[in-house]
Protein backbone atom coordinates (compact mmCIF):
# COMPACT_ATOMS: atom_id res chain seq x y z
CA MET A 1 119.03 121.15 -48.14
CA LYS A 2 119.15 120.25 -51.85
CA MET A 3 117.19 123.40 -52.68
CA ARG A 4 119.71 125.62 -50.86
CA PHE A 5 122.61 123.89 -52.57
CA GLY A 6 120.91 124.29 -55.96
CA LEU A 7 120.33 127.97 -55.26
CA GLY A 8 124.02 128.31 -54.38
CA VAL A 9 124.97 126.74 -57.71
CA LEU A 10 122.60 129.06 -59.58
CA ALA A 11 123.84 132.09 -57.62
CA TYR A 12 127.28 131.49 -59.15
CA LEU A 13 126.30 130.09 -62.55
CA VAL A 14 123.74 132.64 -63.73
CA PRO A 15 125.72 135.87 -63.21
CA THR A 16 129.04 134.29 -64.18
CA PHE A 17 127.75 132.86 -67.45
CA GLY A 18 125.78 136.00 -68.26
CA LEU A 19 128.71 138.29 -67.55
CA GLY A 20 131.18 136.05 -69.36
CA PHE A 21 128.97 135.78 -72.43
CA VAL A 22 128.33 139.51 -72.68
CA TRP A 23 131.91 140.47 -71.79
CA HIS A 24 133.78 138.06 -74.06
CA LEU A 25 131.38 137.57 -76.97
CA MET A 26 129.66 140.93 -77.24
CA LEU A 27 131.30 143.93 -75.58
CA PHE A 28 134.97 143.07 -76.11
CA ASP A 29 134.75 140.53 -78.95
CA ALA A 30 136.71 142.67 -81.41
CA TYR A 31 139.33 143.50 -78.78
CA TYR A 32 139.90 139.82 -77.95
CA GLU A 33 140.04 139.02 -81.67
CA ARG A 34 142.85 141.55 -82.14
CA LEU A 35 144.69 140.07 -79.17
CA ALA A 36 144.44 136.65 -80.88
CA ILE A 37 144.22 134.74 -77.61
CA TYR A 38 140.97 132.87 -78.23
CA ARG A 39 140.07 130.37 -80.89
CA LYS A 40 137.78 131.53 -83.69
CA ASP A 41 135.20 128.82 -83.02
CA ILE A 42 134.60 129.25 -79.29
CA ILE A 43 132.92 126.18 -77.80
CA ILE A 44 130.26 127.76 -75.60
CA PRO A 45 129.08 124.45 -74.06
CA PHE A 46 132.63 123.85 -72.75
CA GLY A 47 132.63 127.29 -71.14
CA PHE A 48 129.23 126.58 -69.60
CA LEU A 49 130.41 123.18 -68.35
CA SER A 50 133.49 124.79 -66.82
CA MET A 51 131.29 127.29 -64.99
CA LEU A 52 128.89 124.55 -63.89
CA ILE A 53 131.78 122.58 -62.36
CA GLN A 54 133.04 125.74 -60.65
CA ALA A 55 129.55 126.51 -59.35
CA PHE A 56 129.18 123.02 -57.91
CA LEU A 57 132.59 123.14 -56.23
CA PHE A 58 132.10 126.65 -54.85
CA ALA A 59 128.70 125.61 -53.45
CA CYS A 60 130.35 122.56 -51.82
CA VAL A 61 133.08 124.70 -50.29
CA TYR A 62 130.53 127.17 -48.93
CA HIS A 63 128.39 124.41 -47.47
CA HIS A 64 131.27 122.57 -45.78
CA ALA A 65 133.56 125.42 -44.77
CA PHE A 66 131.46 128.54 -44.30
CA ALA A 67 127.76 127.74 -43.73
CA GLN A 68 128.29 126.29 -40.24
CA ARG A 69 130.65 129.01 -39.03
CA TYR A 70 129.71 131.30 -36.18
CA GLY A 71 128.45 134.70 -37.13
CA ASN A 72 125.58 136.02 -39.15
CA LEU A 73 124.83 135.39 -42.80
CA LEU A 74 126.54 138.62 -43.87
CA SER A 75 129.83 137.86 -42.11
CA ARG A 76 129.89 134.29 -43.44
CA GLY A 77 129.04 135.54 -46.92
CA LEU A 78 131.78 138.17 -46.85
CA SER A 79 134.34 135.64 -45.61
CA TYR A 80 133.34 133.30 -48.42
CA ALA A 81 133.45 136.11 -50.97
CA ALA A 82 136.99 137.04 -49.90
CA PHE A 83 138.06 133.38 -50.12
CA GLY A 84 136.49 133.01 -53.58
CA ALA A 85 137.98 136.26 -54.85
CA VAL A 86 141.54 135.33 -53.85
CA LEU A 87 141.16 131.79 -55.20
CA SER A 88 139.70 132.96 -58.51
CA TRP A 89 142.32 135.70 -58.88
CA SER A 90 145.07 133.12 -58.35
CA PHE A 91 144.01 130.94 -61.29
CA THR A 92 142.52 133.56 -63.60
CA THR A 93 145.16 136.25 -63.25
CA LEU A 94 148.41 134.99 -61.77
CA ALA A 95 148.45 131.64 -63.57
CA VAL A 96 147.47 133.19 -66.91
CA ALA A 97 150.17 135.87 -66.60
CA ALA A 98 152.72 133.18 -65.73
CA LYS A 99 151.92 131.01 -68.78
CA ASN A 100 150.77 133.28 -71.60
CA VAL A 101 152.53 135.82 -73.73
CA MET A 102 150.85 139.08 -72.92
CA THR A 103 150.30 141.58 -75.70
CA SER A 104 148.57 144.91 -75.80
CA VAL A 105 146.24 146.21 -78.46
CA PRO A 106 145.50 149.92 -78.53
CA ALA A 107 141.90 150.64 -77.63
CA ILE A 108 139.84 152.22 -80.40
CA TRP A 109 137.13 153.85 -78.30
């Protein structure tokens, strides 16, 4: 049981941290700098801690709300993925757009 939960945490944490690190600090670093929406001295451990908390909570939600549902692993996984996508979109897109001044920087590629 603990092993499955730990694997669920890692299944979220590893790709999310890897993608976030590459996306924000490597591929689009200059673009985000021109947008001036992030601090100059990004605190990577805080970002990792945030993702660790999210991973733990998402694993809990899956275990309690989706793992015991009827259906096969694929249908439960897809239901969970749809739930997670809508939830994440609500606080990473809608809430950010509601609170932040949005600017646009011309792409230079």
